[in-house]
PDB file of N, CA and C in Angstrom:
ATOM      1  N   UNK A   1       0.132  -2.393 -20.158  1.00  0.00           N
ATOM      2  CA  UNK A   1      -0.578  -3.254 -19.228  1.00  0.00           C
ATOM      3  C   UNK A   1       0.402  -4.068 -18.386  1.00  0.00           C
ATOM      4  N   UNK A   2       1.499  -4.509 -19.006  1.00  0.00           N
ATOM      5  CA  UNK A   2       2.490  -5.283 -18.255  1.00  0.00           C
ATOM      6  C   UNK A   2       3.069  -4.453 -17.121  1.00  0.00           C
ATOM      7  N   UNK A   3       3.303  -3.164 -17.384  1.00  0.00           N
ATOM      8  CA  UNK A   3       3.819  -2.276 -16.344  1.00  0.00           C
ATOM      9  C   UNK A   3       2.841  -2.186 -15.187  1.00  0.00           C
ATOM     10  N   UNK A   4       1.582  -2.124 -15.496  1.00  0.00           N
ATOM     11  CA  UNK A   4       0.526  -2.056 -14.491  1.00  0.00           C
ATOM     12  C   UNK A   4       0.552  -3.279 -13.582  1.00  0.00           C
ATOM     13  N   UNK A   5       0.635  -4.442 -14.175  1.00  0.00           N
ATOM     14  CA  UNK A   5       0.651  -5.684 -13.395  1.00  0.00           C
ATOM     15  C   UNK A   5       1.930  -5.790 -12.582  1.00  0.00           C
ATOM     16  N   UNK A   6       3.062  -5.432 -13.189  1.00  0.00           N
ATOM     17  CA  UNK A   6       4.342  -5.504 -12.476  1.00  0.00           C
ATOM     18  C   UNK A   6       4.349  -4.548 -11.288  1.00  0.00           C
ATOM     19  N   UNK A   7       3.838  -3.327 -11.473  1.00  0.00           N
ATOM     20  CA  UNK A   7       3.781  -2.351 -10.381  1.00  0.00           C
ATOM     21  C   UNK A   7       2.950  -2.881  -9.216  1.00  0.00           C
ATOM     22  N   UNK A   8       1.771  -3.404  -9.532  1.00  0.00           N
ATOM     23  CA  UNK A   8       0.890  -3.933  -8.491  1.00  0.00           C
ATOM     24  C   UNK A   8       1.530  -5.113  -7.790  1.00  0.00           C
ATOM     25  N   UNK A   9       2.162  -5.977  -8.534  1.00  0.00           N
ATOM     26  CA  UNK A   9       2.789  -7.168  -7.960  1.00  0.00           C
ATOM     27  C   UNK A   9       3.948  -6.794  -7.044  1.00  0.00           C
ATOM     28  N   UNK A  10       4.821  -5.890  -7.497  1.00  0.00           N
ATOM     29  CA  UNK A  10       5.943  -5.478  -6.661  1.00  0.00           C
ATOM     30  C   UNK A  10       5.479  -4.766  -5.392  1.00  0.00           C
ATOM     31  N   UNK A  11       4.435  -3.963  -5.511  1.00  0.00           N
ATOM     32  CA  UNK A  11       3.891  -3.280  -4.334  1.00  0.00           C
ATOM     33  C   UNK A  11       3.395  -4.274  -3.305  1.00  0.00           C
ATOM     34  N   UNK A  12       2.671  -5.274  -3.773  1.00  0.00           N
ATOM     35  CA  UNK A  12       2.138  -6.286  -2.868  1.00  0.00           C
ATOM     36  C   UNK A  12       3.256  -7.110  -2.242  1.00  0.00           C
ATOM     37  N   UNK A  13       4.242  -7.496  -3.028  1.00  0.00           N
ATOM     38  CA  UNK A  13       5.368  -8.283  -2.521  1.00  0.00           C
ATOM     39  C   UNK A  13       6.128  -7.498  -1.454  1.00  0.00           C
ATOM     40  N   UNK A  14       6.336  -6.204  -1.684  1.00  0.00           N
ATOM     41  CA  UNK A  14       7.064  -5.379  -0.717  1.00  0.00           C
ATOM     42  C   UNK A  14       6.347  -5.326   0.621  1.00  0.00           C
ATOM     43  N   UNK A  15       5.037  -5.175   0.596  1.00  0.00           N
ATOM     44  CA  UNK A  15       4.291  -5.112   1.854  1.00  0.00           C
ATOM     45  C   UNK A  15       4.236  -6.468   2.553  1.00  0.00           C
ATOM     46  N   UNK A  16       4.078  -7.519   1.798  1.00  0.00           N
ATOM     47  CA  UNK A  16       4.040  -8.853   2.411  1.00  0.00           C
ATOM     48  C   UNK A  16       5.395  -9.197   3.014  1.00  0.00           C
ATOM     49  N   UNK A  17       6.463  -8.830   2.322  1.00  0.00           N
ATOM     50  CA  UNK A  17       7.806  -9.105   2.836  1.00  0.00           C
ATOM     51  C   UNK A  17       8.093  -8.330   4.109  1.00  0.00           C
ATOM     52  N   UNK A  18       7.517  -7.148   4.237  1.00  0.00           N
ATOM     53  CA  UNK A  18       7.752  -6.320   5.420  1.00  0.00           C
ATOM     54  C   UNK A  18       6.887  -6.726   6.606  1.00  0.00           C
ATOM     55  N   UNK A  19       5.851  -7.493   6.366  1.00  0.00           N
ATOM     56  CA  UNK A  19       4.942  -7.893   7.445  1.00  0.00           C
ATOM     57  C   UNK A  19       5.587  -8.955   8.332  1.00  0.00           C
ATOM     58  N   UNK A  20       5.270  -8.949   9.616  1.00  0.00           N
ATOM     59  CA  UNK A  20       5.789  -9.990  10.500  1.00  0.00           C
ATOM     60  C   UNK A  20       5.309 -11.366  10.048  1.00  0.00           C
ATOM     61  N   UNK A  21       6.102 -12.393  10.393  1.00  0.00           N
ATOM     62  CA  UNK A  21       5.789 -13.753   9.962  1.00  0.00           C
ATOM     63  C   UNK A  21       4.470 -14.271  10.518  1.00  0.00           C
ATOM     64  N   UNK A  22       4.009 -13.731  11.628  1.00  0.00           N
ATOM     65  CA  UNK A  22       2.813 -14.268  12.273  1.00  0.00           C
ATOM     66  C   UNK A  22       1.530 -13.528  11.898  1.00  0.00           C
ATOM     67  N   UNK A  23       1.578 -12.625  10.919  1.00  0.00           N
ATOM     68  CA  UNK A  23       0.376 -11.874  10.529  1.00  0.00           C
ATOM     69  C   UNK A  23      -0.498 -12.734   9.628  1.00  0.00           C
ATOM     70  N   UNK A  24      -1.800 -12.652   9.853  1.00  0.00           N
ATOM     71  CA  UNK A  24      -2.772 -13.357   9.027  1.00  0.00           C
ATOM     72  C   UNK A  24      -3.547 -12.349   8.204  1.00  0.00           C
ATOM     73  N   UNK A  25      -3.805 -12.688   6.951  1.00  0.00           N
ATOM     74  CA  UNK A  25      -4.578 -11.827   6.072  1.00  0.00           C
ATOM     75  C   UNK A  25      -6.060 -12.006   6.382  1.00  0.00           C
ATOM     76  N   UNK A  26      -6.733 -10.911   6.711  1.00  0.00           N
ATOM     77  CA  UNK A  26      -8.162 -10.938   7.014  1.00  0.00           C
ATOM     78  C   UNK A  26      -9.013 -10.622   5.792  1.00  0.00           C
ATOM     79  N   UNK A  27      -8.473  -9.788   4.907  1.00  0.00           N
ATOM     80  CA  UNK A  27      -9.191  -9.396   3.689  1.00  0.00           C
ATOM     81  C   UNK A  27      -8.185  -9.233   2.569  1.00  0.00           C
ATOM     82  N   UNK A  28      -8.533  -9.745   1.409  1.00  0.00           N
ATOM     83  CA  UNK A  28      -7.702  -9.553   0.220  1.00  0.00           C
ATOM     84  C   UNK A  28      -8.611  -9.431  -0.993  1.00  0.00           C
ATOM     85  N   UNK A  29      -8.511  -8.327  -1.706  1.00  0.00           N
ATOM     86  CA  UNK A  29      -9.287  -8.087  -2.922  1.00  0.00           C
ATOM     87  C   UNK A  29      -8.313  -7.792  -4.050  1.00  0.00           C
ATOM     88  N   UNK A  30      -8.614  -8.304  -5.237  1.00  0.00           N
ATOM     89  CA  UNK A  30      -7.761  -8.043  -6.387  1.00  0.00           C
ATOM     90  C   UNK A  30      -8.610  -8.133  -7.648  1.00  0.00           C
ATOM     91  N   UNK A  31      -8.756  -7.018  -8.346  1.00  0.00           N
ATOM     92  CA  UNK A  31      -9.530  -6.968  -9.576  1.00  0.00           C
ATOM     93  C   UNK A  31      -8.658  -6.296 -10.639  1.00  0.00           C
ATOM     94  N   UNK A  32      -8.551  -6.932 -11.804  1.00  0.00           N
ATOM     95  CA  UNK A  32      -7.753  -6.375 -12.888  1.00  0.00           C
ATOM     96  C   UNK A  32      -8.527  -6.463 -14.191  1.00  0.00           C
ATOM     97  N   UNK A  33      -8.321  -5.493 -15.043  1.00  0.00           N
ATOM     98  CA  UNK A  33      -8.789  -5.608 -16.414  1.00  0.00           C
ATOM     99  C   UNK A  33      -7.689  -5.044 -17.312  1.00  0.00           C
ATOM    100  N   UNK A  34      -8.002  -4.809 -18.542  1.00  0.00           N
ATOM    101  CA  UNK A  34      -6.969  -4.428 -19.506  1.00  0.00           C
ATOM    102  C   UNK A  34      -6.265  -3.121 -19.168  1.00  0.00           C
ATOM    103  N   UNK A  35      -6.993  -2.138 -18.629  1.00  0.00           N
ATOM    104  CA  UNK A  35      -6.406  -0.819 -18.391  1.00  0.00           C
ATOM    105  C   UNK A  35      -6.461  -0.344 -16.949  1.00  0.00           C
ATOM    106  N   UNK A  36      -6.841  -1.211 -16.030  1.00  0.00           N
ATOM    107  CA  UNK A  36      -6.916  -0.768 -14.644  1.00  0.00           C
ATOM    108  C   UNK A  36      -6.788  -1.949 -13.684  1.00  0.00           C
ATOM    109  N   UNK A  37      -6.579  -1.609 -12.428  1.00  0.00           N
ATOM    110  CA  UNK A  37      -6.554  -2.619 -11.374  1.00  0.00           C
ATOM    111  C   UNK A  37      -7.020  -1.993 -10.072  1.00  0.00           C
ATOM    112  N   UNK A  38      -7.393  -2.834  -9.154  1.00  0.00           N
ATOM    113  CA  UNK A  38      -7.780  -2.393  -7.815  1.00  0.00           C
ATOM    114  C   UNK A  38      -7.474  -3.536  -6.872  1.00  0.00           C
ATOM    115  N   UNK A  39      -6.762  -3.240  -5.797  1.00  0.00           N
ATOM    116  CA  UNK A  39      -6.513  -4.282  -4.810  1.00  0.00           C
ATOM    117  C   UNK A  39      -6.481  -3.685  -3.413  1.00  0.00           C
ATOM    118  N   UNK A  40      -6.627  -4.552  -2.453  1.00  0.00           N
ATOM    119  CA  UNK A  40      -6.555  -4.132  -1.072  1.00  0.00           C
ATOM    120  C   UNK A  40      -6.408  -5.333  -0.169  1.00  0.00           C
ATOM    121  N   UNK A  41      -5.863  -5.097   1.004  1.00  0.00           N
ATOM    122  CA  UNK A  41      -5.792  -6.155   1.999  1.00  0.00           C
ATOM    123  C   UNK A  41      -5.782  -5.562   3.389  1.00  0.00           C
ATOM    124  N   UNK A  42      -6.073  -6.410   4.336  1.00  0.00           N
ATOM    125  CA  UNK A  42      -6.030  -6.057   5.746  1.00  0.00           C
ATOM    126  C   UNK A  42      -5.511  -7.269   6.493  1.00  0.00           C
ATOM    127  N   UNK A  43      -4.592  -7.044   7.410  1.00  0.00           N
ATOM    128  CA  UNK A  43      -4.053  -8.147   8.204  1.00  0.00           C
ATOM    129  C   UNK A  43      -4.428  -7.973   9.673  1.00  0.00           C
ATOM    130  N   UNK A  44      -4.287  -9.045  10.418  1.00  0.00           N
ATOM    131  CA  UNK A  44      -4.680  -8.984  11.829  1.00  0.00           C
ATOM    132  C   UNK A  44      -3.711  -8.185  12.691  1.00  0.00           C
ATOM    133  N   UNK A  45      -2.588  -7.757  12.128  1.00  0.00           N
ATOM    134  CA  UNK A  45      -1.682  -6.884  12.868  1.00  0.00           C
ATOM    135  C   UNK A  45      -1.915  -5.410  12.520  1.00  0.00           C
ATOM    136  N   UNK A  46      -3.117  -5.128  12.006  1.00  0.00           N
ATOM    137  CA  UNK A  46      -3.622  -3.776  11.763  1.00  0.00           C
ATOM    138  C   UNK A  46      -2.913  -3.046  10.621  1.00  0.00           C
ATOM    139  N   UNK A  47      -2.429  -3.791   9.645  1.00  0.00           N
ATOM    140  CA  UNK A  47      -1.904  -3.198   8.427  1.00  0.00           C
ATOM    141  C   UNK A  47      -3.001  -3.274   7.378  1.00  0.00           C
ATOM    142  N   UNK A  48      -3.272  -2.140   6.731  1.00  0.00           N
ATOM    143  CA  UNK A  48      -4.231  -2.134   5.629  1.00  0.00           C
ATOM    144  C   UNK A  48      -3.613  -1.413   4.440  1.00  0.00           C
ATOM    145  N   UNK A  49      -4.043  -1.815   3.269  1.00  0.00           N
ATOM    146  CA  UNK A  49      -3.601  -1.146   2.052  1.00  0.00           C
ATOM    147  C   UNK A  49      -4.696  -1.277   1.011  1.00  0.00           C
ATOM    148  N   UNK A  50      -4.990  -0.177   0.352  1.00  0.00           N
ATOM    149  CA  UNK A  50      -5.940  -0.152  -0.747  1.00  0.00           C
ATOM    150  C   UNK A  50      -5.343   0.712  -1.845  1.00  0.00           C
ATOM    151  N   UNK A  51      -5.466   0.223  -3.076  1.00  0.00           N
ATOM    152  CA  UNK A  51      -4.876   0.952  -4.189  1.00  0.00           C
ATOM    153  C   UNK A  51      -5.651   0.660  -5.459  1.00  0.00           C
ATOM    154  N   UNK A  52      -5.743   1.670  -6.305  1.00  0.00           N
ATOM    155  CA  UNK A  52      -6.316   1.472  -7.629  1.00  0.00           C
ATOM    156  C   UNK A  52      -5.500   2.260  -8.631  1.00  0.00           C
ATOM    157  N   UNK A  53      -5.341   1.680  -9.799  1.00  0.00           N
ATOM    158  CA  UNK A  53      -4.562   2.317 -10.847  1.00  0.00           C
ATOM    159  C   UNK A  53      -5.271   2.207 -12.173  1.00  0.00           C
ATOM    160  N   UNK A  54      -4.989   3.172 -13.026  1.00  0.00           N
ATOM    161  CA  UNK A  54      -5.637   3.213 -14.328  1.00  0.00           C
ATOM    162  C   UNK A  54      -4.664   3.817 -15.335  1.00  0.00           C
ATOM    163  N   UNK A  55      -4.604   3.207 -16.510  1.00  0.00           N
ATOM    164  CA  UNK A  55      -3.816   3.775 -17.584  1.00  0.00           C
ATOM    165  C   UNK A  55      -4.604   4.948 -18.146  1.00  0.00           C
ATOM    166  N   UNK A  56      -4.020   6.137 -18.069  1.00  0.00           N
ATOM    167  CA  UNK A  56      -4.708   7.348 -18.535  1.00  0.00           C
ATOM    168  C   UNK A  56      -4.584   7.502 -20.054  1.00  0.00           C
ATOM    169  N   UNK A  57      -3.370   7.499 -20.542  1.00  0.00           N
ATOM    170  CA  UNK A  57      -3.102   7.611 -21.972  1.00  0.00           C
ATOM    171  C   UNK A  57      -1.661   7.193 -22.214  1.00  0.00           C
ATOM    172  N   UNK A  58      -1.288   7.096 -23.469  1.00  0.00           N
ATOM    173  CA  UNK A  58       0.090   6.742 -23.819  1.00  0.00           C
ATOM    174  C   UNK A  58       1.070   7.766 -23.235  1.00  0.00           C
ATOM    175  N   UNK A  59       0.697   9.045 -23.279  1.00  0.00           N
ATOM    176  CA  UNK A  59       1.578  10.107 -22.796  1.00  0.00           C
ATOM    177  C   UNK A  59       1.572  10.207 -21.265  1.00  0.00           C
ATOM    178  N   UNK A  60       0.404  10.112 -20.660  1.00  0.00           N
ATOM    179  CA  UNK A  60       0.294  10.271 -19.205  1.00  0.00           C
ATOM    180  C   UNK A  60       0.700   9.011 -18.451  1.00  0.00           C
ATOM    181  N   UNK A  61       0.513   7.852 -19.050  1.00  0.00           N
ATOM    182  CA  UNK A  61       0.879   6.601 -18.411  1.00  0.00           C
ATOM    183  C   UNK A  61      -0.102   6.204 -17.323  1.00  0.00           C
ATOM    184  N   UNK A  62       0.413   5.578 -16.292  1.00  0.00           N
ATOM    185  CA  UNK A  62      -0.380   5.020 -15.210  1.00  0.00           C
ATOM    186  C   UNK A  62      -0.658   6.070 -14.136  1.00  0.00           C
ATOM    187  N   UNK A  63      -1.882   6.123 -13.657  1.00  0.00           N
ATOM    188  CA  UNK A  63      -2.266   6.988 -12.549  1.00  0.00           C
ATOM    189  C   UNK A  63      -2.742   6.095 -11.405  1.00  0.00           C
ATOM    190  N   UNK A  64      -2.123   6.247 -10.254  1.00  0.00           N
ATOM    191  CA  UNK A  64      -2.405   5.385  -9.106  1.00  0.00           C
ATOM    192  C   UNK A  64      -2.856   6.242  -7.937  1.00  0.00           C
ATOM    193  N   UNK A  65      -3.842   5.757  -7.209  1.00  0.00           N
ATOM    194  CA  UNK A  65      -4.331   6.414  -5.998  1.00  0.00           C
ATOM    195  C   UNK A  65      -4.481   5.325  -4.944  1.00  0.00           C
ATOM    196  N   UNK A  66      -4.023   5.617  -3.731  1.00  0.00           N
ATOM    197  CA  UNK A  66      -4.156   4.601  -2.703  1.00  0.00           C
ATOM    198  C   UNK A  66      -3.863   5.111  -1.315  1.00  0.00           C
ATOM    199  N   UNK A  67      -3.849   4.171  -0.389  1.00  0.00           N
ATOM    200  CA  UNK A  67      -3.541   4.494   1.003  1.00  0.00           C
ATOM    201  C   UNK A  67      -3.050   3.240   1.707  1.00  0.00           C
ATOM    202  N   UNK A  68      -2.303   3.463   2.765  1.00  0.00           N
ATOM    203  CA  UNK A  68      -1.922   2.368   3.646  1.00  0.00           C
ATOM    204  C   UNK A  68      -1.881   2.877   5.074  1.00  0.00           C
ATOM    205  N   UNK A  69      -2.044   1.942   5.999  1.00  0.00           N
ATOM    206  CA  UNK A  69      -2.091   2.286   7.423  1.00  0.00           C
ATOM    207  C   UNK A  69      -1.416   1.160   8.194  1.00  0.00           C
ATOM    208  N   UNK A  70      -0.677   1.527   9.236  1.00  0.00           N
ATOM    209  CA  UNK A  70       0.012   0.539  10.050  1.00  0.00           C
ATOM    210  C   UNK A  70       0.246   1.080  11.451  1.00  0.00           C
ATOM    211  N   UNK A  71       0.501   0.187  12.379  1.00  0.00           N
ATOM    212  CA  UNK A  71       0.870   0.557  13.738  1.00  0.00           C
ATOM    213  C   UNK A  71       2.388   0.401  13.832  1.00  0.00           C
ATOM    214  N   UNK A  72       3.066   1.485  14.169  1.00  0.00           N
ATOM    215  CA  UNK A  72       4.526   1.487  14.237  1.00  0.00           C
ATOM    216  C   UNK A  72       5.008   0.960  15.582  1.00  0.00           C
ATOM    217  N   UNK A  73       6.311   0.780  15.675  1.00  0.00           N
ATOM    218  CA  UNK A  73       6.920   0.297  16.919  1.00  0.00           C
ATOM    219  C   UNK A  73       6.665   1.233  18.091  1.00  0.00           C
ATOM    220  N   UNK A  74       6.410   2.518  17.810  1.00  0.00           N
ATOM    221  CA  UNK A  74       6.133   3.466  18.898  1.00  0.00           C
ATOM    222  C   UNK A  74       4.684   3.387  19.387  1.00  0.00           C
ATOM    223  N   UNK A  75       3.880   2.491  18.793  1.00  0.00           N
ATOM    224  CA  UNK A  75       2.492   2.313  19.212  1.00  0.00           C
ATOM    225  C   UNK A  75       1.494   3.219  18.509  1.00  0.00           C
ATOM    226  N   UNK A  76       1.981   4.162  17.733  1.00  0.00           N
ATOM    227  CA  UNK A  76       1.099   5.068  16.998  1.00  0.00           C
ATOM    228  C   UNK A  76       0.666   4.461  15.668  1.00  0.00           C
ATOM    229  N   UNK A  77      -0.545   4.805  15.247  1.00  0.00           N
ATOM    230  CA  UNK A  77      -1.048   4.383  13.947  1.00  0.00           C
ATOM    231  C   UNK A  77      -0.747   5.476  12.943  1.00  0.00           C
ATOM    232  N   UNK A  78      -0.122   5.096  11.844  1.00  0.00           N
ATOM    233  CA  UNK A  78       0.227   6.035  10.789  1.00  0.00           C
ATOM    234  C   UNK A  78      -0.548   5.683   9.531  1.00  0.00           C
ATOM    235  N   UNK A  79      -1.066   6.718   8.869  1.00  0.00           N
ATOM    236  CA  UNK A  79      -1.796   6.516   7.627  1.00  0.00           C
ATOM    237  C   UNK A  79      -1.227   7.442   6.561  1.00  0.00           C
ATOM    238  N   UNK A  80      -1.072   6.892   5.378  1.00  0.00           N
ATOM    239  CA  UNK A  80      -0.580   7.653   4.244  1.00  0.00           C
ATOM    240  C   UNK A  80      -1.558   7.472   3.090  1.00  0.00           C
ATOM    241  N   UNK A  81      -1.962   8.578   2.505  1.00  0.00           N
ATOM    242  CA  UNK A  81      -2.729   8.553   1.268  1.00  0.00           C
ATOM    243  C   UNK A  81      -1.786   9.061   0.191  1.00  0.00           C
ATOM    244  N   UNK A  82      -1.905   8.532  -1.020  1.00  0.00           N
ATOM    245  CA  UNK A  82      -0.962   8.926  -2.053  1.00  0.00           C
ATOM    246  C   UNK A  82      -1.583   8.885  -3.440  1.00  0.00           C
ATOM    247  N   UNK A  83      -0.936   9.626  -4.311  1.00  0.00           N
ATOM    248  CA  UNK A  83      -1.172   9.593  -5.741  1.00  0.00           C
ATOM    249  C   UNK A  83       0.204   9.358  -6.366  1.00  0.00           C
ATOM    250  N   UNK A  84       0.250   8.524  -7.371  1.00  0.00           N
ATOM    251  CA  UNK A  84       1.474   8.325  -8.139  1.00  0.00           C
ATOM    252  C   UNK A  84       1.066   8.396  -9.604  1.00  0.00           C
ATOM    253  N   UNK A  85       1.607   9.390 -10.289  1.00  0.00           N
ATOM    254  CA  UNK A  85       1.235   9.590 -11.687  1.00  0.00           C
ATOM    255  C   UNK A  85       2.394  10.251 -12.417  1.00  0.00           C
ATOM    256  N   UNK A  86       2.101  10.921 -13.502  1.00  0.00           N
ATOM    257  CA  UNK A  86       3.162  11.565 -14.283  1.00  0.00           C
ATOM    258  C   UNK A  86       3.867  12.666 -13.489  1.00  0.00           C
ATOM    259  N   UNK A  87       3.272  13.108 -12.384  1.00  0.00           N
ATOM    260  CA  UNK A  87       3.882  14.129 -11.522  1.00  0.00           C
ATOM    261  C   UNK A  87       4.747  13.523 -10.418  1.00  0.00           C
ATOM    262  N   UNK A  88       4.827  12.193 -10.359  1.00  0.00           N
ATOM    263  CA  UNK A  88       5.627  11.515  -9.350  1.00  0.00           C
ATOM    264  C   UNK A  88       4.780  10.962  -8.217  1.00  0.00           C
ATOM    265  N   UNK A  89       5.452  10.473  -7.183  1.00  0.00           N
ATOM    266  CA  UNK A  89       4.798   9.929  -5.997  1.00  0.00           C
ATOM    267  C   UNK A  89       4.504  11.083  -5.050  1.00  0.00           C
ATOM    268  N   UNK A  90       3.233  11.217  -4.644  1.00  0.00           N
ATOM    269  CA  UNK A  90       2.794  12.352  -3.841  1.00  0.00           C
ATOM    270  C   UNK A  90       2.071  11.854  -2.595  1.00  0.00           C
ATOM    271  N   UNK A  91       2.815  11.596  -1.518  1.00  0.00           N
ATOM    272  CA  UNK A  91       2.190  11.099  -0.286  1.00  0.00           C
ATOM    273  C   UNK A  91       1.667  12.231   0.589  1.00  0.00           C
ATOM    274  N   UNK A  92       0.613  11.931   1.338  1.00  0.00           N
ATOM    275  CA  UNK A  92       0.066  12.869   2.315  1.00  0.00           C
ATOM    276  C   UNK A  92      -0.181  12.089   3.599  1.00  0.00           C
ATOM    277  N   UNK A  93       0.349  12.593   4.693  1.00  0.00           N
ATOM    278  CA  UNK A  93       0.136  11.990   6.003  1.00  0.00           C
ATOM    279  C   UNK A  93       0.486  13.005   7.069  1.00  0.00           C
ATOM    280  N   UNK A  94      -0.184  12.937   8.188  1.00  0.00           N
ATOM    281  CA  UNK A  94       0.069  13.908   9.259  1.00  0.00           C
ATOM    282  C   UNK A  94       1.516  13.883   9.729  1.00  0.00           C
ATOM    283  N   UNK A  95       2.179  12.743   9.587  1.00  0.00           N
ATOM    284  CA  UNK A  95       3.553  12.602  10.068  1.00  0.00           C
ATOM    285  C   UNK A  95       4.598  12.923   8.996  1.00  0.00           C
ATOM    286  N   UNK A  96       4.172  13.261   7.783  1.00  0.00           N
ATOM    287  CA  UNK A  96       5.103  13.554   6.698  1.00  0.00           C
ATOM    288  C   UNK A  96       5.261  15.070   6.583  1.00  0.00           C
ATOM    289  N   UNK A  97       6.472  15.580   6.788  1.00  0.00           N
ATOM    290  CA  UNK A  97       6.685  17.029   6.649  1.00  0.00           C
ATOM    291  C   UNK A  97       6.378  17.469   5.217  1.00  0.00           C
ATOM    292  N   UNK A  98       5.517  18.442   5.053  1.00  0.00           N
ATOM    293  CA  UNK A  98       5.070  18.855   3.724  1.00  0.00           C
ATOM    294  C   UNK A  98       6.148  19.544   2.899  1.00  0.00           C
ATOM    295  N   UNK A  99       7.203  20.032   3.523  1.00  0.00           N
ATOM    296  CA  UNK A  99       8.267  20.653   2.729  1.00  0.00           C
ATOM    297  C   UNK A  99       8.972  19.624   1.836  1.00  0.00           C
ATOM    298  N   UNK A 100       8.811  18.339   2.149  1.00  0.00           N
ATOM    299  CA  UNK A 100       9.388  17.291   1.324  1.00  0.00           C
ATOM    300  C   UNK A 100       8.436  16.830   0.227  1.00  0.00           C
ATOM    301  N   UNK A 101       7.209  17.309   0.236  1.00  0.00           N
ATOM    302  CA  UNK A 101       6.201  16.885  -0.719  1.00  0.00           C
ATOM    303  C   UNK A 101       5.562  18.118  -1.347  1.00  0.00           C
ATOM    304  N   UNK A 102       6.269  18.757  -2.274  1.00  0.00           N
ATOM    305  CA  UNK A 102       5.724  19.989  -2.865  1.00  0.00           C
ATOM    306  C   UNK A 102       4.550  19.708  -3.793  1.00  0.00           C
ATOM    307  N   UNK A 103       3.633  20.663  -3.871  1.00  0.00           N
ATOM    308  CA  UNK A 103       2.523  20.621  -4.825  1.00  0.00           C
ATOM    309  C   UNK A 103       1.632  19.392  -4.698  1.00  0.00           C
ATOM    310  N   UNK A 104       1.327  18.996  -3.494  1.00  0.00           N
ATOM    311  CA  UNK A 104       0.468  17.827  -3.283  1.00  0.00           C
ATOM    312  C   UNK A 104      -0.993  18.234  -3.473  1.00  0.00           C
ATOM    313  N   UNK A 105      -1.691  17.572  -4.382  1.00  0.00           N
ATOM    314  CA  UNK A 105      -3.106  17.889  -4.525  1.00  0.00           C
ATOM    315  C   UNK A 105      -3.885  17.365  -3.322  1.00  0.00           C
ATOM    316  N   UNK A 106      -5.036  17.904  -3.066  1.00  0.00           N
ATOM    317  CA  UNK A 106      -5.813  17.401  -1.952  1.00  0.00           C
ATOM    318  C   UNK A 106      -6.380  16.037  -2.333  1.00  0.00           C
ATOM    319  N   UNK A 107      -6.268  15.106  -1.410  1.00  0.00           N
ATOM    320  CA  UNK A 107      -6.710  13.741  -1.656  1.00  0.00           C
ATOM    321  C   UNK A 107      -8.056  13.595  -1.097  1.00  0.00           C
TER     322      UNK A 107
END
């Protein structure tokens, strides 16, 4: 459970640290229990993130599913959906070359 909380906390800190200083949070959700969590946020600079994780078993560990979306410096909106589990981090996005992401299940 501690790993679950630490993972969620570090993920949130990384995104907040990367956000511009003038962004305001429009939505923030955070729900946790003993074996799972779910959080999401949206800022006024068009960054969104939603994620949920669940402890599957002692052997499988944590299974995470989520997505994030942002507007890049080039003006394009990029969205990534991902799974992170015992098979590793598996992102899917139109801008991500699939040869770098083998065996991605359909999200």
